[in-house]
C-alpha atoms as a PDB file:
ATOM      1  CA  MET A   1     270.323 337.075  78.749  1.00  0.00           C
ATOM      2  CA  ASN A   2     273.270 339.629  78.498  1.00  0.00           C
ATOM      3  CA  SER A   3     275.907 339.765  76.374  1.00  0.00           C
ATOM      4  CA  ALA A   4     278.542 338.144  78.385  1.00  0.00           C
ATOM      5  CA  THR A   5     276.595 335.190  78.992  1.00  0.00           C
ATOM      6  CA  VAL A   6     275.857 334.770  75.255  1.00  0.00           C
ATOM      7  CA  ARG A   7     279.586 335.260  74.560  1.00  0.00           C
ATOM      8  CA  ASN A   8     280.500 332.680  77.220  1.00  0.00           C
ATOM      9  CA  LEU A   9     277.885 330.064  75.476  1.00  0.00           C
ATOM     10  CA  LEU A  10     278.930 330.648  72.324  1.00  0.00           C
ATOM     11  CA  VAL A  11     282.578 329.690  73.376  1.00  0.00           C
ATOM     12  CA  ARG A  12     281.586 326.763  75.118  1.00  0.00           C
ATOM     13  CA  GLY A  13     279.579 325.797  72.286  1.00  0.00           C
ATOM     14  CA  MET A  14     282.459 325.838  70.126  1.00  0.00           C
ATOM     15  CA  LEU A  15     284.753 323.842  72.590  1.00  0.00           C
ATOM     16  CA  ALA A  16     281.919 321.300  72.659  1.00  0.00           C
ATOM     17  CA  GLY A  17     281.628 321.351  69.248  1.00  0.00           C
ATOM     18  CA  LEU A  18     285.547 320.475  69.080  1.00  0.00           C
ATOM     19  CA  GLY A  19     285.069 317.690  71.689  1.00  0.00           C
ATOM     20  CA  ALA A  20     282.000 316.166  69.671  1.00  0.00           C
ATOM     21  CA  GLY A  21     284.298 316.571  66.630  1.00  0.00           C
ATOM     22  CA  LEU A  22     286.629 314.471  67.937  1.00  0.00           C
ATOM     23  CA  LEU A  23     284.009 311.696  69.071  1.00  0.00           C
ATOM     24  CA  ALA A  24     282.568 311.807  65.459  1.00  0.00           C
ATOM     25  CA  LEU A  25     286.107 311.767  63.938  1.00  0.00           C
ATOM     26  CA  ILE A  26     286.959 308.401  65.614  1.00  0.00           C
ATOM     27  CA  ALA A  27     283.121 306.955  64.195  1.00  0.00           C
ATOM     28  CA  ALA A  28     284.128 308.282  60.819  1.00  0.00           C
ATOM     29  CA  TYR A  29     287.514 306.698  60.662  1.00  0.00           C
ATOM     30  CA  PHE A  30     286.661 303.272  62.179  1.00  0.00           C
ATOM     31  CA  LEU A  31     283.276 303.263  60.729  1.00  0.00           C
ATOM     32  CA  GLY A  32     283.458 304.765  57.533  1.00  0.00           C
ATOM     33  CA  GLU A  33     286.545 304.679  55.988  1.00  0.00           C
ATOM     34  CA  PRO A  34     286.682 301.086  55.292  1.00  0.00           C
ATOM     35  CA  ASN A  35     283.271 301.443  53.205  1.00  0.00           C
ATOM     36  CA  VAL A  36     284.672 304.244  51.445  1.00  0.00           C
ATOM     37  CA  ASP A  37     288.062 302.194  50.481  1.00  0.00           C
ATOM     38  CA  SER A  38     285.825 299.331  49.393  1.00  0.00           C
ATOM     39  CA  ALA A  39     283.648 301.997  46.907  1.00  0.00           C
ATOM     40  CA  ILE A  40     286.804 303.482  45.687  1.00  0.00           C
ATOM     41  CA  SER A  41     288.222 299.812  45.026  1.00  0.00           C
ATOM     42  CA  PHE A  42     284.559 299.042  42.789  1.00  0.00           C
ATOM     43  CA  GLU A  43     285.064 302.374  40.988  1.00  0.00           C
ATOM     44  CA  ALA A  44     288.763 301.638  40.004  1.00  0.00           C
ATOM     45  CA  ALA A  45     287.935 297.862  39.105  1.00  0.00           C
ATOM     46  CA  HIS A  46     285.186 299.095  36.783  1.00  0.00           C
ATOM     47  CA  ALA A  47     286.875 302.312  35.526  1.00  0.00           C
ATOM     48  CA  HIS A  48     288.089 302.470  31.798  1.00  0.00           C
ATOM     49  CA  ALA A  49     291.852 302.599  31.291  1.00  0.00           C
ATOM     50  CA  HIS A  50     291.679 306.215  29.713  1.00  0.00           C
ATOM     51  CA  GLU A  51     289.640 307.475  32.491  1.00  0.00           C
ATOM     52  CA  HIS A  52     292.333 307.066  35.344  1.00  0.00           C
ATOM     53  CA  GLU A  53     293.236 310.664  36.450  1.00  0.00           C
ATOM     54  CA  VAL A  54     296.242 311.704  38.540  1.00  0.00           C
ATOM     55  CA  GLU A  55     295.466 311.715  42.395  1.00  0.00           C
ATOM     56  CA  LEU A  56     296.249 315.509  43.653  1.00  0.00           C
ATOM     57  CA  VAL A  57     295.857 314.243  47.171  1.00  0.00           C
ATOM     58  CA  SER A  58     296.806 310.650  48.485  1.00  0.00           C
ATOM     59  CA  ARG A  59     294.178 308.179  49.913  1.00  0.00           C
ATOM     60  CA  SER A  60     296.115 308.177  53.055  1.00  0.00           C
ATOM     61  CA  LEU A  61     296.082 311.930  53.648  1.00  0.00           C
ATOM     62  CA  GLN A  62     292.491 311.954  52.731  1.00  0.00           C
ATOM     63  CA  SER A  63     291.576 309.429  55.311  1.00  0.00           C
ATOM     64  CA  THR A  64     293.601 310.957  57.948  1.00  0.00           C
ATOM     65  CA  ALA A  65     294.905 314.645  58.220  1.00  0.00           C
ATOM     66  CA  GLY A  66     292.057 315.787  55.525  1.00  0.00           C
ATOM     67  CA  LEU A  67     289.218 314.051  57.331  1.00  0.00           C
ATOM     68  CA  ALA A  68     290.450 315.281  60.631  1.00  0.00           C
ATOM     69  CA  THR A  69     290.394 318.698  59.581  1.00  0.00           C
ATOM     70  CA  GLY A  70     286.989 318.665  58.100  1.00  0.00           C
ATOM     71  CA  VAL A  71     285.379 317.138  60.787  1.00  0.00           C
ATOM     72  CA  LEU A  72     286.974 319.306  63.674  1.00  0.00           C
ATOM     73  CA  ILE A  73     286.448 322.564  61.648  1.00  0.00           C
ATOM     74  CA  TYR A  74     282.695 321.435  61.099  1.00  0.00           C
ATOM     75  CA  GLY A  75     282.507 320.584  64.713  1.00  0.00           C
ATOM     76  CA  VAL A  76     283.532 323.922  65.812  1.00  0.00           C
ATOM     77  CA  ALA A  77     281.645 325.850  63.356  1.00  0.00           C
ATOM     78  CA  PHE A  78     278.283 323.954  63.913  1.00  0.00           C
ATOM     79  CA  GLY A  79     279.043 324.392  67.792  1.00  0.00           C
ATOM     80  CA  GLY A  80     279.278 327.776  67.479  1.00  0.00           C
ATOM     81  CA  ILE A  81     275.563 328.085  65.444  1.00  0.00           C
ATOM     82  CA  ALA A  82     273.989 325.567  68.182  1.00  0.00           C
ATOM     83  CA  ALA A  83     275.353 327.600  70.966  1.00  0.00           C
ATOM     84  CA  LEU A  84     273.442 330.776  69.654  1.00  0.00           C
ATOM     85  CA  ALA A  85     270.377 328.902  68.629  1.00  0.00           C
ATOM     86  CA  TYR A  86     270.560 327.420  72.366  1.00  0.00           C
ATOM     87  CA  CYS A  87     270.601 331.146  73.509  1.00  0.00           C
ATOM     88  CA  PHE A  88     267.393 331.792  71.878  1.00  0.00           C
ATOM     89  CA  ALA A  89     265.731 328.442  72.744  1.00  0.00           C
ATOM     90  CA  LEU A  90     266.629 328.728  76.392  1.00  0.00           C
ATOM     91  CA  GLY A  91     263.396 329.461  78.362  1.00  0.00           C
ATOM     92  CA  ARG A  92     261.207 329.166  75.380  1.00  0.00           C
ATOM     93  CA  VAL A  93     260.679 325.511  74.837  1.00  0.00           C
ATOM     94  CA  GLY A  94     259.497 324.828  78.163  1.00  0.00           C
ATOM     95  CA  ARG A  95     260.525 324.810  81.792  1.00  0.00           C
ATOM     96  CA  PHE A  96     263.593 322.643  81.328  1.00  0.00           C
ATOM     97  CA  SER A  97     267.064 322.778  82.979  1.00  0.00           C
ATOM     98  CA  PRO A  98     269.726 324.047  80.865  1.00  0.00           C
ATOM     99  CA  ARG A  99     271.420 320.609  80.534  1.00  0.00           C
ATOM    100  CA  ALA A 100     268.229 319.254  79.358  1.00  0.00           C
ATOM    101  CA  THR A 101     267.396 322.229  76.901  1.00  0.00           C
ATOM    102  CA  ALA A 102     270.718 320.994  75.370  1.00  0.00           C
ATOM    103  CA  LEU A 103     270.054 317.775  74.818  1.00  0.00           C
ATOM    104  CA  LEU A 104     266.424 318.819  73.480  1.00  0.00           C
ATOM    105  CA  LEU A 105     267.918 321.003  71.088  1.00  0.00           C
ATOM    106  CA  SER A 106     270.697 318.727  69.797  1.00  0.00           C
ATOM    107  CA  GLY A 107     268.175 315.669  69.537  1.00  0.00           C
ATOM    108  CA  CYS A 108     265.560 318.106  67.416  1.00  0.00           C
ATOM    109  CA  ALA A 109     268.309 319.811  65.393  1.00  0.00           C
ATOM    110  CA  LEU A 110     269.587 316.077  64.426  1.00  0.00           C
ATOM    111  CA  LEU A 111     266.479 315.224  63.400  1.00  0.00           C
ATOM    112  CA  ALA A 112     265.340 318.493  61.382  1.00  0.00           C
ATOM    113  CA  VAL A 113     269.251 319.170  59.974  1.00  0.00           C
ATOM    114  CA  TYR A 114     270.220 315.488  59.266  1.00  0.00           C
ATOM    115  CA  VAL A 115     267.848 312.646  59.899  1.00  0.00           C
ATOM    116  CA  VAL A 116     264.890 313.941  57.920  1.00  0.00           C
ATOM    117  CA  PRO A 117     266.857 315.197  54.682  1.00  0.00           C
ATOM    118  CA  PHE A 118     268.881 311.668  54.865  1.00  0.00           C
ATOM    119  CA  LEU A 119     265.686 309.831  54.834  1.00  0.00           C
ATOM    120  CA  LYS A 120     264.868 311.498  51.333  1.00  0.00           C
ATOM    121  CA  TYR A 121     268.545 312.008  49.767  1.00  0.00           C
ATOM    122  CA  PRO A 122     270.661 309.450  51.686  1.00  0.00           C
ATOM    123  CA  ALA A 123     274.540 309.634  51.845  1.00  0.00           C
ATOM    124  CA  ASN A 124     276.434 307.860  49.064  1.00  0.00           C
ATOM    125  CA  PRO A 125     279.704 306.617  48.745  1.00  0.00           C
ATOM    126  CA  PRO A 126     282.237 307.096  45.967  1.00  0.00           C
ATOM    127  CA  ALA A 127     281.394 305.613  42.915  1.00  0.00           C
ATOM    128  CA  VAL A 128     277.678 306.152  43.302  1.00  0.00           C
ATOM    129  CA  GLY A 129     276.165 309.359  41.735  1.00  0.00           C
ATOM    130  CA  ASN A 130     276.702 311.149  38.227  1.00  0.00           C
ATOM    131  CA  ALA A 131     279.118 313.727  38.338  1.00  0.00           C
ATOM    132  CA  ASP A 132     276.774 315.913  35.852  1.00  0.00           C
ATOM    133  CA  THR A 133     274.045 315.858  38.411  1.00  0.00           C
ATOM    134  CA  ILE A 134     276.073 316.941  41.411  1.00  0.00           C
ATOM    135  CA  GLY A 135     274.707 320.518  41.395  1.00  0.00           C
ATOM    136  CA  LYS A 136     271.292 319.333  41.076  1.00  0.00           C
ATOM    137  CA  ARG A 137     271.449 316.816  43.758  1.00  0.00           C
ATOM    138  CA  THR A 138     273.338 319.308  46.023  1.00  0.00           C
ATOM    139  CA  THR A 139     270.521 321.888  45.511  1.00  0.00           C
ATOM    140  CA  LEU A 140     267.785 319.086  46.446  1.00  0.00           C
ATOM    141  CA  TYR A 141     269.551 318.076  49.442  1.00  0.00           C
ATOM    142  CA  PHE A 142     269.792 321.684  51.062  1.00  0.00           C
ATOM    143  CA  LEU A 143     266.155 322.444  50.006  1.00  0.00           C
ATOM    144  CA  MET A 144     265.151 319.518  51.701  1.00  0.00           C
ATOM    145  CA  MET A 145     267.036 320.534  54.842  1.00  0.00           C
ATOM    146  CA  LEU A 146     265.982 323.874  54.692  1.00  0.00           C
ATOM    147  CA  LEU A 147     262.161 322.793  54.571  1.00  0.00           C
ATOM    148  CA  SER A 148     262.805 320.403  57.052  1.00  0.00           C
ATOM    149  CA  VAL A 149     264.224 323.048  59.580  1.00  0.00           C
ATOM    150  CA  LEU A 150     261.459 325.721  58.518  1.00  0.00           C
ATOM    151  CA  LEU A 151     258.856 323.049  59.229  1.00  0.00           C
ATOM    152  CA  ALA A 152     260.288 322.012  62.554  1.00  0.00           C
ATOM    153  CA  ILE A 153     260.158 325.867  63.832  1.00  0.00           C
ATOM    154  CA  GLY A 154     256.323 325.979  62.356  1.00  0.00           C
ATOM    155  CA  ALA A 155     255.621 322.691  64.278  1.00  0.00           C
ATOM    156  CA  THR A 156     257.147 324.350  67.531  1.00  0.00           C
ATOM    157  CA  LEU A 157     255.104 327.237  67.063  1.00  0.00           C
ATOM    158  CA  LEU A 158     252.228 325.610  66.561  1.00  0.00           C
ATOM    159  CA  GLY A 159     252.552 323.332  69.719  1.00  0.00           C
ATOM    160  CA  LYS A 160     253.227 326.233  71.865  1.00  0.00           C
ATOM    161  CA  ARG A 161     249.952 328.181  70.513  1.00  0.00           C
ATOM    162  CA  LEU A 162     247.878 324.997  71.027  1.00  0.00           C
ATOM    163  CA  ALA A 163     249.227 324.316  74.545  1.00  0.00           C
ATOM    164  CA  PRO A 164     247.306 326.986  76.485  1.00  0.00           C
ATOM    165  CA  LYS A 165     243.715 325.373  75.308  1.00  0.00           C
ATOM    166  CA  SER A 166     244.571 321.597  74.415  1.00  0.00           C
ATOM    167  CA  GLY A 167     247.488 320.947  77.124  1.00  0.00           C
ATOM    168  CA  THR A 168     250.742 320.102  76.501  1.00  0.00           C
ATOM    169  CA  TRP A 169     250.337 316.318  75.676  1.00  0.00           C
ATOM    170  CA  TYR A 170     247.614 317.182  72.859  1.00  0.00           C
ATOM    171  CA  ALA A 171     249.508 320.013  71.700  1.00  0.00           C
ATOM    172  CA  THR A 172     252.733 318.059  71.287  1.00  0.00           C
ATOM    173  CA  VAL A 173     250.925 315.353  69.373  1.00  0.00           C
ATOM    174  CA  ALA A 174     249.192 317.849  67.168  1.00  0.00           C
ATOM    175  CA  ALA A 175     252.420 319.603  66.247  1.00  0.00           C
ATOM    176  CA  VAL A 176     254.394 316.175  65.371  1.00  0.00           C
ATOM    177  CA  ALA A 177     251.528 314.792  63.223  1.00  0.00           C
ATOM    178  CA  ALA A 178     251.734 318.242  61.489  1.00  0.00           C
ATOM    179  CA  PHE A 179     255.345 318.003  60.842  1.00  0.00           C
ATOM    180  CA  ALA A 180     255.132 314.422  59.805  1.00  0.00           C
ATOM    181  CA  VAL A 181     252.229 315.338  57.138  1.00  0.00           C
ATOM    182  CA  ALA A 182     254.345 318.457  55.920  1.00  0.00           C
ATOM    183  CA  ILE A 183     257.611 316.391  55.423  1.00  0.00           C
ATOM    184  CA  GLY A 184     255.568 313.503  53.752  1.00  0.00           C
ATOM    185  CA  LEU A 185     254.138 315.897  51.275  1.00  0.00           C
ATOM    186  CA  ALA A 186     257.782 317.336  50.727  1.00  0.00           C
ATOM    187  CA  TYR A 187     259.155 313.676  50.184  1.00  0.00           C
ATOM    188  CA  ALA A 188     256.361 313.118  47.527  1.00  0.00           C
ATOM    189  CA  PHE A 189     256.674 316.358  45.726  1.00  0.00           C
ATOM    190  CA  LEU A 190     260.192 316.579  45.477  1.00  0.00           C
ATOM    191  CA  PRO A 191     262.039 314.497  42.668  1.00  0.00           C
ATOM    192  CA  VAL A 192     263.708 310.887  43.476  1.00  0.00           C
ATOM    193  CA  VAL A 193     267.478 310.625  42.740  1.00  0.00           C
ATOM    194  CA  ASN A 194     268.393 307.120  42.300  1.00  0.00           C
ATOM    195  CA  GLU A 195     271.914 306.907  40.809  1.00  0.00           C
ATOM    196  CA  VAL A 196     273.582 303.847  41.950  1.00  0.00           C
ATOM    197  CA  PRO A 197     275.265 302.142  39.401  1.00  0.00           C
ATOM    198  CA  GLY A 198     274.308 298.513  38.589  1.00  0.00           C
ATOM    199  CA  GLY A 199     276.522 295.931  40.390  1.00  0.00           C
ATOM    200  CA  PHE A 200     277.450 297.871  43.000  1.00  0.00           C
ATOM    201  CA  PRO A 201     277.708 295.912  46.259  1.00  0.00           C
ATOM    202  CA  ALA A 202     274.394 296.678  48.471  1.00  0.00           C
ATOM    203  CA  THR A 203     276.242 295.846  51.397  1.00  0.00           C
ATOM    204  CA  VAL A 204     279.007 298.437  50.818  1.00  0.00           C
ATOM    205  CA  LEU A 205     276.064 301.106  50.284  1.00  0.00           C
ATOM    206  CA  TRP A 206     274.068 300.035  53.124  1.00  0.00           C
ATOM    207  CA  ARG A 207     277.111 300.058  55.549  1.00  0.00           C
ATOM    208  CA  PHE A 208     278.454 303.343  54.373  1.00  0.00           C
ATOM    209  CA  ARG A 209     274.916 305.314  54.839  1.00  0.00           C
ATOM    210  CA  LEU A 210     274.742 303.354  58.328  1.00  0.00           C
ATOM    211  CA  SER A 211     278.275 304.813  59.288  1.00  0.00           C
ATOM    212  CA  ALA A 212     277.298 308.326  57.868  1.00  0.00           C
ATOM    213  CA  LEU A 213     274.256 308.272  60.107  1.00  0.00           C
ATOM    214  CA  ALA A 214     276.295 306.824  62.913  1.00  0.00           C
ATOM    215  CA  MET A 215     278.910 309.839  62.603  1.00  0.00           C
ATOM    216  CA  GLN A 216     276.068 312.425  63.030  1.00  0.00           C
ATOM    217  CA  LEU A 217     274.455 310.835  65.937  1.00  0.00           C
ATOM    218  CA  THR A 218     277.682 310.767  67.750  1.00  0.00           C
ATOM    219  CA  LEU A 219     278.264 314.424  66.518  1.00  0.00           C
ATOM    220  CA  TRP A 220     274.930 315.651  67.925  1.00  0.00           C
ATOM    221  CA  GLY A 221     274.694 313.293  70.923  1.00  0.00           C
ATOM    222  CA  GLY A 222     278.050 314.163  71.945  1.00  0.00           C
ATOM    223  CA  PHE A 223     277.613 318.160  71.635  1.00  0.00           C
ATOM    224  CA  GLY A 224     274.444 317.654  73.537  1.00  0.00           C
ATOM    225  CA  LEU A 225     276.006 315.847  76.457  1.00  0.00           C
ATOM    226  CA  ILE A 226     279.066 318.392  76.406  1.00  0.00           C
ATOM    227  CA  PHE A 227     277.503 321.596  75.756  1.00  0.00           C
ATOM    228  CA  GLY A 228     274.834 320.625  78.129  1.00  0.00           C
ATOM    229  CA  GLU A 229     277.224 320.195  81.028  1.00  0.00           C
ATOM    230  CA  LEU A 230     279.442 323.391  80.633  1.00  0.00           C
ATOM    231  CA  ALA A 231     275.861 325.474  80.007  1.00  0.00           C
ATOM    232  CA  GLU A 232     274.644 323.760  83.383  1.00  0.00           C
ATOM    233  CA  ARG A 233     277.828 324.978  85.303  1.00  0.00           C
ATOM    234  CA  LEU A 234     277.756 328.240  83.850  1.00  0.00           C
ATOM    235  CA  LEU A 235     274.177 328.977  84.238  1.00  0.00           C
ATOM    236  CA  ASN A 236     273.258 327.146  87.648  1.00  0.00           C
ATOM    237  CA  PRO A 237     276.812 327.251  89.248  1.00  0.00           C
ATOM    238  CA  ARG A 238     277.079 325.128  92.388  1.00  0.00           C
ATOM    239  CA  PRO A 239     277.062 327.278  95.600  1.00  0.00           C
ATOM    240  CA  ALA A 240     280.676 327.146  97.059  1.00  0.00           C
ATOM    241  CA  LYS A 241     280.890 324.872 100.171  1.00  0.00           C
ATOM    242  CA  ALA A 242     280.884 326.671 103.331  1.00  0.00           C
ATOM    243  CA  GLU A 243     284.208 325.965 105.504  1.00  0.00           C
ATOM    244  CA  ALA A 244     283.365 323.996 108.781  1.00  0.00           C
ATOM    245  CA  PRO A 245     284.297 326.215 111.528  1.00  0.00           C
ATOM    246  CA  ARG A 246     287.531 325.564 113.354  1.00  0.00           C
ATOM    247  CA  PRO A 247     287.520 324.301 116.925  1.00  0.00           C
ATOM    248  CA  VAL A 248     288.845 326.881 119.477  1.00  0.00           C
ATOM    249  CA  ALA A 249     291.620 325.499 121.629  1.00  0.00           C
ATOM    250  CA  ALA A 250     290.765 325.576 125.180  1.00  0.00           C
ATOM    251  CA  ALA A 251     292.533 328.189 127.189  1.00  0.00           C
ATOM    252  CA  PRO A 252     294.954 327.075 129.714  1.00  0.00           C
ATOM    253  CA  ASN A 253     294.236 326.782 133.308  1.00  0.00           C
END
């Protein structure tokens, strides 16, 4: 793949990330923000009078401009990174079309980058978590993410190595099984983090985590669809339609 094609795919990846970010922003605003407000209300009701702090940024600004800025910048950045990964994966993961490759890459990335770490260390709303352990929790989360990505790459390489001898089906099953076993061991050996305060509404916690998952599903799914279409048009352009011949006027007698 030449540099011009990589550059064009990178630009399209960032544009697709922006579009997917807009979709994720809608999901975050309507699904996630109400649960954040509920968690903040719980925190305010159980905080001691002397613990109140001056609010540097208003909640209304956080839930609108702040949310939009964060989600859209994240969408553009991850879209560019995903486009570069797409350039490497295209043609190496099977004989898929550019559109199908984009969807496959988005699905695998969603699983490895978010779902697997999420199942071990799920997202928490405000008022959940000890401020003194935020560094430890962040380190554990990114460690789980790194392990998941590396194990996913290893499982892919294992499947490609086994495919010529065992066939695509059995190689895929073996690779998925190996990935699941390795992730299970990581879940077992990494420490558990449970800092949900007593009395915190279970419904708010559950809905917040579901909304966080829905936001990521929207982001990665939207990116796969948008970028797949853009990549398909770039790499497999439709042939120009030939113009129908014009009828020749009959010569006058």
